[in-house]
């Protein structure tokens, strides 16, 4: 079966600034990932910045941490059960 484009088509990353740990950082994610991240924060009754800070804290515990955007994408995929 041939893949189909997601609703709205394929779209490149959108950069946003978020304050975590007291400093502003820019994160570039595709719109679908921003939506999924906002939904995850809402389900937890957290501000978006608090969820990103929590993901960042787990990310930096690793031996070879990826960049924050990659960590967010990986975390979101884990949230929906993609391995």
C-alpha atoms as a PDB file:
ATOM      1  CA  UNK A   1       0.000   0.000   0.000  1.00  0.00           C
ATOM      2  CA  UNK A   2       1.319   3.416  -0.946  1.00  0.00           C
ATOM      3  CA  UNK A   3       1.872   5.882   1.934  1.00  0.00           C
ATOM      4  CA  UNK A   4      -0.315   8.977   2.003  1.00  0.00           C
ATOM      5  CA  UNK A   5       0.550  12.446   3.246  1.00  0.00           C
ATOM      6  CA  UNK A   6      -0.689  13.367   6.720  1.00  0.00           C
ATOM      7  CA  UNK A   7      -3.633  15.775   7.041  1.00  0.00           C
ATOM      8  CA  UNK A   8      -2.402  19.193   5.949  1.00  0.00           C
ATOM      9  CA  UNK A   9       0.488  17.662   4.015  1.00  0.00           C
ATOM     10  CA  UNK A  10       4.128  17.340   4.939  1.00  0.00           C
ATOM     11  CA  UNK A  11       5.411  20.374   6.795  1.00  0.00           C
ATOM     12  CA  UNK A  12       8.857  21.288   7.998  1.00  0.00           C
ATOM     13  CA  UNK A  13       9.927  22.148  11.524  1.00  0.00           C
ATOM     14  CA  UNK A  14       8.619  25.198  13.365  1.00  0.00           C
ATOM     15  CA  UNK A  15      10.968  26.909  15.822  1.00  0.00           C
ATOM     16  CA  UNK A  16       9.637  28.052  19.203  1.00  0.00           C
ATOM     17  CA  UNK A  17      11.332  29.510  22.247  1.00  0.00           C
ATOM     18  CA  UNK A  18      10.595  27.921  25.612  1.00  0.00           C
ATOM     19  CA  UNK A  19      12.002  28.803  29.016  1.00  0.00           C
ATOM     20  CA  UNK A  20      13.331  25.805  30.914  1.00  0.00           C
ATOM     21  CA  UNK A  21      15.551  25.814  33.981  1.00  0.00           C
ATOM     22  CA  UNK A  22      15.429  29.599  33.956  1.00  0.00           C
ATOM     23  CA  UNK A  23      16.783  30.106  30.450  1.00  0.00           C
ATOM     24  CA  UNK A  24      15.223  30.436  27.018  1.00  0.00           C
ATOM     25  CA  UNK A  25      15.932  27.728  24.491  1.00  0.00           C
ATOM     26  CA  UNK A  26      14.768  27.313  20.911  1.00  0.00           C
ATOM     27  CA  UNK A  27      13.296  24.015  19.811  1.00  0.00           C
ATOM     28  CA  UNK A  28      12.435  23.072  16.223  1.00  0.00           C
ATOM     29  CA  UNK A  29       9.712  20.445  15.808  1.00  0.00           C
ATOM     30  CA  UNK A  30       7.298  19.581  13.051  1.00  0.00           C
ATOM     31  CA  UNK A  31       3.754  20.889  13.677  1.00  0.00           C
ATOM     32  CA  UNK A  32       2.419  17.410  14.450  1.00  0.00           C
ATOM     33  CA  UNK A  33       5.001  16.959  17.194  1.00  0.00           C
ATOM     34  CA  UNK A  34       4.124  20.371  18.675  1.00  0.00           C
ATOM     35  CA  UNK A  35       0.466  19.340  18.750  1.00  0.00           C
ATOM     36  CA  UNK A  36       1.270  15.978  20.354  1.00  0.00           C
ATOM     37  CA  UNK A  37       3.503  17.680  22.938  1.00  0.00           C
ATOM     38  CA  UNK A  38       0.814  20.244  23.790  1.00  0.00           C
ATOM     39  CA  UNK A  39      -1.737  17.421  24.140  1.00  0.00           C
ATOM     40  CA  UNK A  40       0.606  15.462  26.429  1.00  0.00           C
ATOM     41  CA  UNK A  41       1.134  18.536  28.618  1.00  0.00           C
ATOM     42  CA  UNK A  42      -2.610  19.150  28.812  1.00  0.00           C
ATOM     43  CA  UNK A  43      -3.284  15.517  29.794  1.00  0.00           C
ATOM     44  CA  UNK A  44      -0.830  15.976  32.662  1.00  0.00           C
ATOM     45  CA  UNK A  45      -2.220  19.429  33.576  1.00  0.00           C
ATOM     46  CA  UNK A  46       1.258  20.882  33.049  1.00  0.00           C
ATOM     47  CA  UNK A  47       2.448  23.959  31.230  1.00  0.00           C
ATOM     48  CA  UNK A  48       4.275  23.045  28.027  1.00  0.00           C
ATOM     49  CA  UNK A  49       7.536  24.413  29.451  1.00  0.00           C
ATOM     50  CA  UNK A  50       7.238  22.160  32.532  1.00  0.00           C
ATOM     51  CA  UNK A  51       6.819  19.037  30.412  1.00  0.00           C
ATOM     52  CA  UNK A  52       9.749  20.023  28.194  1.00  0.00           C
ATOM     53  CA  UNK A  53      11.863  20.667  31.313  1.00  0.00           C
ATOM     54  CA  UNK A  54      10.969  17.213  32.647  1.00  0.00           C
ATOM     55  CA  UNK A  55      11.906  15.560  29.333  1.00  0.00           C
ATOM     56  CA  UNK A  56      15.140  17.565  29.307  1.00  0.00           C
ATOM     57  CA  UNK A  57      16.020  16.427  32.839  1.00  0.00           C
ATOM     58  CA  UNK A  58      15.621  12.768  31.832  1.00  0.00           C
ATOM     59  CA  UNK A  59      17.518  13.374  28.579  1.00  0.00           C
ATOM     60  CA  UNK A  60      20.634  14.743  30.275  1.00  0.00           C
ATOM     61  CA  UNK A  61      20.847  11.740  32.606  1.00  0.00           C
ATOM     62  CA  UNK A  62      21.963   9.569  29.680  1.00  0.00           C
ATOM     63  CA  UNK A  63      25.559   8.768  28.785  1.00  0.00           C
ATOM     64  CA  UNK A  64      25.315  10.320  25.325  1.00  0.00           C
ATOM     65  CA  UNK A  65      22.224  12.552  25.364  1.00  0.00           C
ATOM     66  CA  UNK A  66      20.675  13.519  22.026  1.00  0.00           C
ATOM     67  CA  UNK A  67      19.638  17.088  21.308  1.00  0.00           C
ATOM     68  CA  UNK A  68      16.442  18.217  23.005  1.00  0.00           C
ATOM     69  CA  UNK A  69      14.284  18.088  19.871  1.00  0.00           C
ATOM     70  CA  UNK A  70      15.308  14.475  19.231  1.00  0.00           C
ATOM     71  CA  UNK A  71      14.625  13.584  22.850  1.00  0.00           C
ATOM     72  CA  UNK A  72      11.148  15.141  22.639  1.00  0.00           C
ATOM     73  CA  UNK A  73      10.325  13.261  19.428  1.00  0.00           C
ATOM     74  CA  UNK A  74      11.556   9.971  20.919  1.00  0.00           C
ATOM     75  CA  UNK A  75       9.611  10.570  24.137  1.00  0.00           C
ATOM     76  CA  UNK A  76       6.436  11.315  22.184  1.00  0.00           C
ATOM     77  CA  UNK A  77       6.814   8.149  20.117  1.00  0.00           C
ATOM     78  CA  UNK A  78       7.201   6.201  23.359  1.00  0.00           C
ATOM     79  CA  UNK A  79       4.015   7.825  24.636  1.00  0.00           C
ATOM     80  CA  UNK A  80       2.020   6.422  21.725  1.00  0.00           C
ATOM     81  CA  UNK A  81       3.653   3.010  21.965  1.00  0.00           C
ATOM     82  CA  UNK A  82       6.048   3.176  19.006  1.00  0.00           C
ATOM     83  CA  UNK A  83       9.246   1.270  19.721  1.00  0.00           C
END
